[in-house]
Amino acid sequence: MDLRGAGRTVIERMGMLDDARCIGLDQAGISWVDQQGRTRAAIGSDDFDGEGFISEIEILRGDLVDLLHRRLDDEVEYLFNDSIMRLA
């Protein structure tokens, strides 16, 4: 999951931005290469202040869930295997 825009703002306001950076995937960016293996174009993860094509912080969904669960365990009531049957 990319943490950018509103998602990054929320994680930062929750005081979890440093933790998110620690568990984020190590990605340098993306490159387009030709048939000879020469780089024709490249975008780094830090281009556009981390808000570009490649997100500065990308976290596996399960890792983000673990982070949220660990940090919010005492503050949140979790309901598992429950579903909404109807709305009144």
C-alpha atoms as a PDB file:
ATOM      1  CA  MET A   1       0.000   0.000   0.000  1.00  0.00           C
ATOM      2  CA  ASP A   2       1.296   3.435  -0.890  1.00  0.00           C
ATOM      3  CA  LEU A   3       1.354   5.929   1.942  1.00  0.00           C
ATOM      4  CA  ARG A   4       0.877   9.227   0.216  1.00  0.00           C
ATOM      5  CA  GLY A   5      -1.454  12.175   0.410  1.00  0.00           C
ATOM      6  CA  ALA A   6      -4.179  11.769   3.018  1.00  0.00           C
ATOM      7  CA  GLY A   7      -2.936   8.308   4.068  1.00  0.00           C
ATOM      8  CA  ARG A   8       0.506   9.675   4.848  1.00  0.00           C
ATOM      9  CA  THR A   9      -1.022  12.622   6.704  1.00  0.00           C
ATOM     10  CA  VAL A  10      -3.147  10.294   8.850  1.00  0.00           C
ATOM     11  CA  ILE A  11      -0.204   8.025   9.734  1.00  0.00           C
ATOM     12  CA  GLU A  12       1.875  11.085  10.588  1.00  0.00           C
ATOM     13  CA  ARG A  13      -0.874  12.552  12.808  1.00  0.00           C
ATOM     14  CA  MET A  14      -1.167   9.190  14.562  1.00  0.00           C
ATOM     15  CA  GLY A  15       2.549   9.408  15.386  1.00  0.00           C
ATOM     16  CA  MET A  16       3.384   6.317  13.325  1.00  0.00           C
ATOM     17  CA  LEU A  17       5.306   7.798  10.395  1.00  0.00           C
ATOM     18  CA  ASP A  18       8.727   6.685  11.653  1.00  0.00           C
ATOM     19  CA  ASP A  19       7.403   3.173  12.304  1.00  0.00           C
ATOM     20  CA  ALA A  20       5.862   3.112   8.821  1.00  0.00           C
ATOM     21  CA  ARG A  21       9.208   4.098   7.299  1.00  0.00           C
ATOM     22  CA  CYS A  22      10.935   1.275   9.214  1.00  0.00           C
ATOM     23  CA  ILE A  23       8.604  -1.420   7.880  1.00  0.00           C
ATOM     24  CA  GLY A  24       8.245   0.085   4.406  1.00  0.00           C
ATOM     25  CA  LEU A  25       9.542  -1.688   1.348  1.00  0.00           C
ATOM     26  CA  ASP A  26      12.967  -0.641   0.102  1.00  0.00           C
ATOM     27  CA  GLN A  27      12.267   0.678  -3.350  1.00  0.00           C
ATOM     28  CA  ALA A  28      14.535   3.058  -5.184  1.00  0.00           C
ATOM     29  CA  GLY A  29      12.157   3.830  -8.031  1.00  0.00           C
ATOM     30  CA  ILE A  30      11.371   2.553 -11.482  1.00  0.00           C
ATOM     31  CA  SER A  31      13.361   2.481 -14.689  1.00  0.00           C
ATOM     32  CA  TRP A  32      12.426   1.841 -18.285  1.00  0.00           C
ATOM     33  CA  VAL A  33      15.103   0.019 -20.238  1.00  0.00           C
ATOM     34  CA  ASP A  34      15.500  -0.753 -23.913  1.00  0.00           C
ATOM     35  CA  GLN A  35      16.327  -4.110 -25.477  1.00  0.00           C
ATOM     36  CA  GLN A  36      20.039  -3.508 -24.899  1.00  0.00           C
ATOM     37  CA  GLY A  37      19.474  -2.960 -21.186  1.00  0.00           C
ATOM     38  CA  ARG A  38      20.110   0.792 -21.335  1.00  0.00           C
ATOM     39  CA  THR A  39      18.026   2.997 -19.067  1.00  0.00           C
ATOM     40  CA  ARG A  40      15.805   5.211 -21.194  1.00  0.00           C
ATOM     41  CA  ALA A  41      13.879   6.890 -18.355  1.00  0.00           C
ATOM     42  CA  ALA A  42      13.803   6.657 -14.572  1.00  0.00           C
ATOM     43  CA  ILE A  43      11.758   7.994 -11.677  1.00  0.00           C
ATOM     44  CA  GLY A  44      13.164   7.816  -8.163  1.00  0.00           C
ATOM     45  CA  SER A  45      11.037   7.210  -5.094  1.00  0.00           C
ATOM     46  CA  ASP A  46      12.149  10.558  -3.684  1.00  0.00           C
ATOM     47  CA  ASP A  47      11.158  12.513  -6.811  1.00  0.00           C
ATOM     48  CA  PHE A  48       8.211  14.862  -6.323  1.00  0.00           C
ATOM     49  CA  ASP A  49       8.681  14.771  -2.524  1.00  0.00           C
ATOM     50  CA  GLY A  50       7.575  11.122  -2.398  1.00  0.00           C
ATOM     51  CA  GLU A  51       4.201  11.964  -3.924  1.00  0.00           C
ATOM     52  CA  GLY A  52       5.033  10.980  -7.494  1.00  0.00           C
ATOM     53  CA  PHE A  53       4.609   7.823  -9.524  1.00  0.00           C
ATOM     54  CA  ILE A  54       6.651   5.825  -7.010  1.00  0.00           C
ATOM     55  CA  SER A  55       5.582   6.372  -3.427  1.00  0.00           C
ATOM     56  CA  GLU A  56       8.283   7.201  -0.904  1.00  0.00           C
ATOM     57  CA  ILE A  57       6.652   4.840   1.594  1.00  0.00           C
ATOM     58  CA  GLU A  58       5.089   1.579   0.476  1.00  0.00           C
ATOM     59  CA  ILE A  59       4.040  -1.011   3.030  1.00  0.00           C
ATOM     60  CA  LEU A  60       2.667  -4.505   2.625  1.00  0.00           C
ATOM     61  CA  ARG A  61      -0.967  -4.515   3.712  1.00  0.00           C
ATOM     62  CA  GLY A  62      -0.396  -7.126   6.416  1.00  0.00           C
ATOM     63  CA  ASP A  63       2.521  -5.139   7.847  1.00  0.00           C
ATOM     64  CA  LEU A  64       0.376  -1.999   8.008  1.00  0.00           C
ATOM     65  CA  VAL A  65      -2.396  -3.963   9.746  1.00  0.00           C
ATOM     66  CA  ASP A  66       0.136  -5.318  12.268  1.00  0.00           C
ATOM     67  CA  LEU A  67       1.458  -1.802  12.925  1.00  0.00           C
ATOM     68  CA  LEU A  68      -2.016  -0.389  13.485  1.00  0.00           C
ATOM     69  CA  HIS A  69      -3.047  -3.326  15.657  1.00  0.00           C
ATOM     70  CA  ARG A  70       0.054  -3.097  17.868  1.00  0.00           C
ATOM     71  CA  ARG A  71      -0.199   0.660  18.339  1.00  0.00           C
ATOM     72  CA  LEU A  72      -3.972   0.860  18.844  1.00  0.00           C
ATOM     73  CA  ASP A  73      -4.637  -2.379  20.707  1.00  0.00           C
ATOM     74  CA  ASP A  74      -5.509  -0.685  24.015  1.00  0.00           C
ATOM     75  CA  GLU A  75      -7.621   2.058  22.411  1.00  0.00           C
ATOM     76  CA  VAL A  76      -9.787   0.212  19.886  1.00  0.00           C
ATOM     77  CA  GLU A  77     -12.395  -2.524  20.139  1.00  0.00           C
ATOM     78  CA  TYR A  78     -11.874  -4.982  17.271  1.00  0.00           C
ATOM     79  CA  LEU A  79     -14.707  -7.043  15.829  1.00  0.00           C
ATOM     80  CA  PHE A  80     -13.613  -9.989  13.715  1.00  0.00           C
ATOM     81  CA  ASN A  81     -15.808 -12.284  11.631  1.00  0.00           C
ATOM     82  CA  ASP A  82     -18.735  -9.898  11.952  1.00  0.00           C
ATOM     83  CA  SER A  83     -20.781  -8.404   9.160  1.00  0.00           C
ATOM     84  CA  ILE A  84     -23.571  -5.894   8.621  1.00  0.00           C
ATOM     85  CA  MET A  85     -26.848  -7.654   7.897  1.00  0.00           C
ATOM     86  CA  ARG A  86     -28.965  -4.553   7.239  1.00  0.00           C
ATOM     87  CA  LEU A  87     -29.046  -0.823   7.755  1.00  0.00           C
ATOM     88  CA  ALA A  88     -31.969   0.725   9.608  1.00  0.00           C
END
